[in-house]
PDB file of all heavy atoms in Angstrom:
ATOM      1  N   LYS A   1     -10.846   7.041  23.107  1.00  0.00           N
ATOM      2  CA  LYS A   1     -10.648   6.500  24.492  1.00  0.00           C
ATOM      3  C   LYS A   1     -11.490   5.336  24.828  1.00  0.00           C
ATOM      4  O   LYS A   1     -11.258   4.691  25.877  1.00  0.00           O
ATOM      5  CB  LYS A   1     -10.863   7.643  25.479  1.00  0.00           C
ATOM      6  CG  LYS A   1      -9.907   8.772  25.452  1.00  0.00           C
ATOM      7  CD  LYS A   1     -10.179   9.768  26.543  1.00  0.00           C
ATOM      8  CE  LYS A   1      -9.116  10.875  26.553  1.00  0.00           C
ATOM      9  NZ  LYS A   1      -9.281  11.856  27.644  1.00  0.00           N
ATOM     10  N   ASN A   2     -12.499   5.034  23.999  1.00  0.00           N
ATOM     11  CA  ASN A   2     -13.339   3.900  24.267  1.00  0.00           C
ATOM     12  C   ASN A   2     -13.183   2.829  23.146  1.00  0.00           C
ATOM     13  O   ASN A   2     -12.447   3.049  22.193  1.00  0.00           O
ATOM     14  CB  ASN A   2     -14.791   4.287  24.391  1.00  0.00           C
ATOM     15  CG  ASN A   2     -15.337   4.995  23.189  1.00  0.00           C
ATOM     16  OD1 ASN A   2     -15.151   4.600  22.079  1.00  0.00           O
ATOM     17  ND2 ASN A   2     -16.000   6.117  23.345  1.00  0.00           N
ATOM     18  N   SER A   3     -13.879   1.731  23.248  1.00  0.00           N
ATOM     19  CA  SER A   3     -13.713   0.619  22.299  1.00  0.00           C
ATOM     20  C   SER A   3     -14.778   0.627  21.187  1.00  0.00           C
ATOM     21  O   SER A   3     -14.956  -0.399  20.531  1.00  0.00           O
ATOM     22  CB  SER A   3     -13.731  -0.677  23.081  1.00  0.00           C
ATOM     23  OG  SER A   3     -14.937  -0.819  23.771  1.00  0.00           O
ATOM     24  N   ASP A   4     -15.463   1.789  21.002  1.00  0.00           N
ATOM     25  CA  ASP A   4     -16.517   1.790  19.992  1.00  0.00           C
ATOM     26  C   ASP A   4     -15.988   1.486  18.588  1.00  0.00           C
ATOM     27  O   ASP A   4     -14.935   2.050  18.166  1.00  0.00           O
ATOM     28  CB  ASP A   4     -17.203   3.198  19.974  1.00  0.00           C
ATOM     29  CG  ASP A   4     -18.032   3.461  21.169  1.00  0.00           C
ATOM     30  OD1 ASP A   4     -18.229   2.492  21.936  1.00  0.00           O
ATOM     31  OD2 ASP A   4     -18.490   4.586  21.340  1.00  0.00           O
ATOM     32  N   VAL A   5     -16.735   0.669  17.846  1.00  0.00           N
ATOM     33  CA  VAL A   5     -16.454   0.398  16.441  1.00  0.00           C
ATOM     34  C   VAL A   5     -17.797   0.665  15.779  1.00  0.00           C
ATOM     35  O   VAL A   5     -18.730  -0.143  15.791  1.00  0.00           O
ATOM     36  CB  VAL A   5     -15.988  -1.013  16.229  1.00  0.00           C
ATOM     37  CG1 VAL A   5     -15.756  -1.275  14.718  1.00  0.00           C
ATOM     38  CG2 VAL A   5     -14.719  -1.283  16.999  1.00  0.00           C
ATOM     39  N   ASP A   6     -17.953   1.835  15.136  1.00  0.00           N
ATOM     40  CA  ASP A   6     -19.245   2.401  14.737  1.00  0.00           C
ATOM     41  C   ASP A   6     -19.424   2.358  13.275  1.00  0.00           C
ATOM     42  O   ASP A   6     -18.620   2.942  12.502  1.00  0.00           O
ATOM     43  CB  ASP A   6     -19.319   3.819  15.266  1.00  0.00           C
ATOM     44  CG  ASP A   6     -20.767   4.373  15.172  1.00  0.00           C
ATOM     45  OD1 ASP A   6     -21.576   3.813  14.428  1.00  0.00           O
ATOM     46  OD2 ASP A   6     -21.034   5.391  15.846  1.00  0.00           O
ATOM     47  N   TYR A   7     -20.441   1.643  12.805  1.00  0.00           N
ATOM     48  CA  TYR A   7     -20.765   1.543  11.345  1.00  0.00           C
ATOM     49  C   TYR A   7     -22.006   2.361  10.996  1.00  0.00           C
ATOM     50  O   TYR A   7     -22.566   2.218   9.916  1.00  0.00           O
ATOM     51  CB  TYR A   7     -21.043   0.141  10.968  1.00  0.00           C
ATOM     52  CG  TYR A   7     -19.886  -0.824  11.108  1.00  0.00           C
ATOM     53  CD1 TYR A   7     -19.683  -1.568  12.294  1.00  0.00           C
ATOM     54  CD2 TYR A   7     -19.002  -1.062  10.086  1.00  0.00           C
ATOM     55  CE1 TYR A   7     -18.663  -2.432  12.455  1.00  0.00           C
ATOM     56  CE2 TYR A   7     -17.932  -1.955  10.202  1.00  0.00           C
ATOM     57  CZ  TYR A   7     -17.799  -2.632  11.416  1.00  0.00           C
ATOM     58  OH  TYR A   7     -16.755  -3.550  11.539  1.00  0.00           O
ATOM     59  N   SER A   8     -22.496   3.146  11.935  1.00  0.00           N
ATOM     60  CA  SER A   8     -23.803   3.774  11.758  1.00  0.00           C
ATOM     61  C   SER A   8     -23.873   4.918  10.742  1.00  0.00           C
ATOM     62  O   SER A   8     -24.963   5.248  10.283  1.00  0.00           O
ATOM     63  CB  SER A   8     -24.324   4.249  13.102  1.00  0.00           C
ATOM     64  OG  SER A   8     -23.480   5.272  13.690  1.00  0.00           O
ATOM     65  N   GLY A   9     -22.779   5.531  10.395  1.00  0.00           N
ATOM     66  CA  GLY A   9     -22.826   6.686   9.453  1.00  0.00           C
ATOM     67  C   GLY A   9     -21.659   6.678   8.503  1.00  0.00           C
ATOM     68  O   GLY A   9     -20.694   5.946   8.639  1.00  0.00           O
ATOM     69  N   ASN A  10     -21.797   7.540   7.472  1.00  0.00           N
ATOM     70  CA  ASN A  10     -20.705   7.659   6.496  1.00  0.00           C
ATOM     71  C   ASN A  10     -19.821   8.885   6.820  1.00  0.00           C
ATOM     72  O   ASN A  10     -20.178   9.702   7.704  1.00  0.00           O
ATOM     73  CB  ASN A  10     -21.349   7.889   5.080  1.00  0.00           C
ATOM     74  CG  ASN A  10     -20.252   8.002   4.003  1.00  0.00           C
ATOM     75  OD1 ASN A  10     -19.196   7.467   4.129  1.00  0.00           O
ATOM     76  ND2 ASN A  10     -20.622   8.720   2.911  1.00  0.00           N
ATOM     77  N   CYS A  11     -18.636   8.925   6.185  1.00  0.00           N
ATOM     78  CA  CYS A  11     -17.752  10.131   6.325  1.00  0.00           C
ATOM     79  C   CYS A  11     -17.581  10.693   4.945  1.00  0.00           C
ATOM     80  O   CYS A  11     -17.064  10.081   3.991  1.00  0.00           O
ATOM     81  CB  CYS A  11     -16.430   9.658   6.831  1.00  0.00           C
ATOM     82  SG  CYS A  11     -15.198  11.028   6.807  1.00  0.00           S
ATOM     83  N   GLY A  12     -18.123  11.914   4.771  1.00  0.00           N
ATOM     84  CA  GLY A  12     -18.001  12.579   3.457  1.00  0.00           C
ATOM     85  C   GLY A  12     -16.588  12.904   3.045  1.00  0.00           C
ATOM     86  O   GLY A  12     -16.247  12.749   1.892  1.00  0.00           O
ATOM     87  N   ASN A  13     -15.739  13.290   3.994  1.00  0.00           N
ATOM     88  CA  ASN A  13     -14.385  13.596   3.672  1.00  0.00           C
ATOM     89  C   ASN A  13     -13.672  12.362   3.115  1.00  0.00           C
ATOM     90  O   ASN A  13     -13.027  12.440   2.054  1.00  0.00           O
ATOM     91  CB  ASN A  13     -13.621  14.167   4.906  1.00  0.00           C
ATOM     92  CG  ASN A  13     -13.690  15.671   4.997  1.00  0.00           C
ATOM     93  OD1 ASN A  13     -13.260  16.371   4.107  1.00  0.00           O
ATOM     94  ND2 ASN A  13     -14.321  16.127   6.075  1.00  0.00           N
ATOM     95  N   MET A  14     -13.761  11.238   3.815  1.00  0.00           N
ATOM     96  CA  MET A  14     -13.071  10.048   3.360  1.00  0.00           C
ATOM     97  C   MET A  14     -13.690   9.438   2.115  1.00  0.00           C
ATOM     98  O   MET A  14     -13.058   8.774   1.351  1.00  0.00           O
ATOM     99  CB  MET A  14     -13.057   8.939   4.483  1.00  0.00           C
ATOM    100  CG  MET A  14     -12.122   9.302   5.601  1.00  0.00           C
ATOM    101  SD  MET A  14     -10.502   9.950   5.184  1.00  0.00           S
ATOM    102  CE  MET A  14      -9.925   8.759   3.997  1.00  0.00           C
ATOM    103  N   SER A  15     -14.960   9.824   1.828  1.00  0.00           N
ATOM    104  CA  SER A  15     -15.583   9.418   0.568  1.00  0.00           C
ATOM    105  C   SER A  15     -14.746   9.854  -0.648  1.00  0.00           C
ATOM    106  O   SER A  15     -14.724   9.246  -1.693  1.00  0.00           O
ATOM    107  CB  SER A  15     -17.010   9.931   0.463  1.00  0.00           C
ATOM    108  OG  SER A  15     -17.843   9.346   1.477  1.00  0.00           O
ATOM    109  N   SER A  16     -14.065  11.001  -0.496  1.00  0.00           N
ATOM    110  CA  SER A  16     -13.293  11.541  -1.583  1.00  0.00           C
ATOM    111  C   SER A  16     -12.076  10.707  -1.946  1.00  0.00           C
ATOM    112  O   SER A  16     -11.517  10.817  -3.023  1.00  0.00           O
ATOM    113  CB  SER A  16     -12.858  13.001  -1.288  1.00  0.00           C
ATOM    114  OG  SER A  16     -11.952  13.028  -0.140  1.00  0.00           O
ATOM    115  N   ALA A  17     -11.639   9.867  -1.012  1.00  0.00           N
ATOM    116  CA  ALA A  17     -10.501   9.010  -1.242  1.00  0.00           C
ATOM    117  C   ALA A  17     -10.900   7.627  -1.774  1.00  0.00           C
ATOM    118  O   ALA A  17      -9.996   6.857  -2.235  1.00  0.00           O
ATOM    119  CB  ALA A  17      -9.627   8.878   0.011  1.00  0.00           C
ATOM    120  N   VAL A  18     -12.164   7.259  -1.734  1.00  0.00           N
ATOM    121  CA  VAL A  18     -12.602   5.927  -2.080  1.00  0.00           C
ATOM    122  C   VAL A  18     -12.437   5.694  -3.544  1.00  0.00           C
ATOM    123  O   VAL A  18     -11.909   4.654  -4.024  1.00  0.00           O
ATOM    124  CB  VAL A  18     -14.042   5.693  -1.640  1.00  0.00           C
ATOM    125  CG1 VAL A  18     -14.579   4.344  -2.167  1.00  0.00           C
ATOM    126  CG2 VAL A  18     -14.187   5.807  -0.121  1.00  0.00           C
ATOM    127  N   GLY A  19     -12.840   6.614  -4.416  1.00  0.00           N
ATOM    128  CA  GLY A  19     -12.675   6.487  -5.861  1.00  0.00           C
ATOM    129  C   GLY A  19     -11.238   6.330  -6.241  1.00  0.00           C
ATOM    130  O   GLY A  19     -10.855   5.371  -6.990  1.00  0.00           O
ATOM    131  N   PRO A  20     -10.307   7.254  -5.765  1.00  0.00           N
ATOM    132  CA  PRO A  20      -8.867   7.069  -6.061  1.00  0.00           C
ATOM    133  C   PRO A  20      -8.356   5.693  -5.575  1.00  0.00           C
ATOM    134  O   PRO A  20      -7.539   5.068  -6.266  1.00  0.00           O
ATOM    135  CB  PRO A  20      -8.236   8.253  -5.319  1.00  0.00           C
ATOM    136  CG  PRO A  20      -9.255   9.307  -5.377  1.00  0.00           C
ATOM    137  CD  PRO A  20     -10.597   8.554  -5.171  1.00  0.00           C
ATOM    138  N   PHE A  21      -8.749   5.254  -4.377  1.00  0.00           N
ATOM    139  CA  PHE A  21      -8.277   3.938  -3.921  1.00  0.00           C
ATOM    140  C   PHE A  21      -8.752   2.826  -4.805  1.00  0.00           C
ATOM    141  O   PHE A  21      -7.943   1.961  -5.199  1.00  0.00           O
ATOM    142  CB  PHE A  21      -8.842   3.733  -2.515  1.00  0.00           C
ATOM    143  CG  PHE A  21      -8.466   2.342  -1.934  1.00  0.00           C
ATOM    144  CD1 PHE A  21      -7.240   2.078  -1.364  1.00  0.00           C
ATOM    145  CD2 PHE A  21      -9.366   1.328  -2.018  1.00  0.00           C
ATOM    146  CE1 PHE A  21      -6.916   0.845  -0.843  1.00  0.00           C
ATOM    147  CE2 PHE A  21      -9.089   0.017  -1.525  1.00  0.00           C
ATOM    148  CZ  PHE A  21      -7.829  -0.168  -0.931  1.00  0.00           C
ATOM    149  N   ALA A  22     -10.033   2.925  -5.303  1.00  0.00           N
ATOM    150  CA  ALA A  22     -10.565   1.872  -6.208  1.00  0.00           C
ATOM    151  C   ALA A  22      -9.819   1.784  -7.501  1.00  0.00           C
ATOM    152  O   ALA A  22      -9.554   0.726  -7.995  1.00  0.00           O
ATOM    153  CB  ALA A  22     -12.050   2.134  -6.414  1.00  0.00           C
ATOM    154  N   VAL A  23      -9.414   2.949  -8.001  1.00  0.00           N
ATOM    155  CA  VAL A  23      -8.606   2.998  -9.208  1.00  0.00           C
ATOM    156  C   VAL A  23      -7.217   2.507  -8.998  1.00  0.00           C
ATOM    157  O   VAL A  23      -6.626   1.683  -9.740  1.00  0.00           O
ATOM    158  CB  VAL A  23      -8.646   4.406  -9.862  1.00  0.00           C
ATOM    159  CG1 VAL A  23      -7.585   4.563 -10.990  1.00  0.00           C
ATOM    160  CG2 VAL A  23     -10.016   4.757 -10.386  1.00  0.00           C
ATOM    161  N   ASP A  24      -6.574   3.004  -7.982  1.00  0.00           N
ATOM    162  CA  ASP A  24      -5.148   2.673  -7.644  1.00  0.00           C
ATOM    163  C   ASP A  24      -5.013   1.155  -7.447  1.00  0.00           C
ATOM    164  O   ASP A  24      -3.939   0.622  -7.785  1.00  0.00           O
ATOM    165  CB  ASP A  24      -4.682   3.427  -6.415  1.00  0.00           C
ATOM    166  CG  ASP A  24      -4.567   4.932  -6.689  1.00  0.00           C
ATOM    167  OD1 ASP A  24      -4.546   5.339  -7.849  1.00  0.00           O
ATOM    168  OD2 ASP A  24      -4.478   5.684  -5.673  1.00  0.00           O
ATOM    169  N   TYR A  25      -5.956   0.523  -6.860  1.00  0.00           N
ATOM    170  CA  TYR A  25      -5.854  -0.891  -6.482  1.00  0.00           C
ATOM    171  C   TYR A  25      -6.697  -1.791  -7.388  1.00  0.00           C
ATOM    172  O   TYR A  25      -6.988  -2.916  -7.054  1.00  0.00           O
ATOM    173  CB  TYR A  25      -6.175  -1.093  -4.998  1.00  0.00           C
ATOM    174  CG  TYR A  25      -5.099  -0.427  -4.172  1.00  0.00           C
ATOM    175  CD1 TYR A  25      -5.270   0.884  -3.761  1.00  0.00           C
ATOM    176  CD2 TYR A  25      -3.969  -1.116  -3.821  1.00  0.00           C
ATOM    177  CE1 TYR A  25      -4.259   1.480  -3.018  1.00  0.00           C
ATOM    178  CE2 TYR A  25      -2.948  -0.508  -3.116  1.00  0.00           C
ATOM    179  CZ  TYR A  25      -3.129   0.773  -2.689  1.00  0.00           C
ATOM    180  OH  TYR A  25      -2.105   1.392  -1.996  1.00  0.00           O
ATOM    181  N   ARG A  26      -7.086  -1.272  -8.578  1.00  0.00           N
ATOM    182  CA  ARG A  26      -7.711  -2.054  -9.630  1.00  0.00           C
ATOM    183  C   ARG A  26      -9.035  -2.699  -9.161  1.00  0.00           C
ATOM    184  O   ARG A  26      -9.460  -3.740  -9.758  1.00  0.00           O
ATOM    185  CB  ARG A  26      -6.786  -3.139 -10.138  1.00  0.00           C
ATOM    186  CG  ARG A  26      -5.382  -2.631 -10.547  1.00  0.00           C
ATOM    187  CD  ARG A  26      -5.516  -1.621 -11.695  1.00  0.00           C
ATOM    188  NE  ARG A  26      -4.183  -1.211 -12.255  1.00  0.00           N
ATOM    189  CZ  ARG A  26      -3.577  -0.127 -11.896  1.00  0.00           C
ATOM    190  NH1 ARG A  26      -4.088   0.672 -10.976  1.00  0.00           N
ATOM    191  NH2 ARG A  26      -2.377   0.180 -12.430  1.00  0.00           N
TER     192      ARG A  26
END
C-alpha cells in the first residue's frame, strides 16, 4: 500500500530460485 522499495534485507525463500535462474539464463 506504500511506495517503499527496500534493499535492507535478504529473502531466504527467493534465494532458492537464484541458482536455477542463473543456470537457466547462462
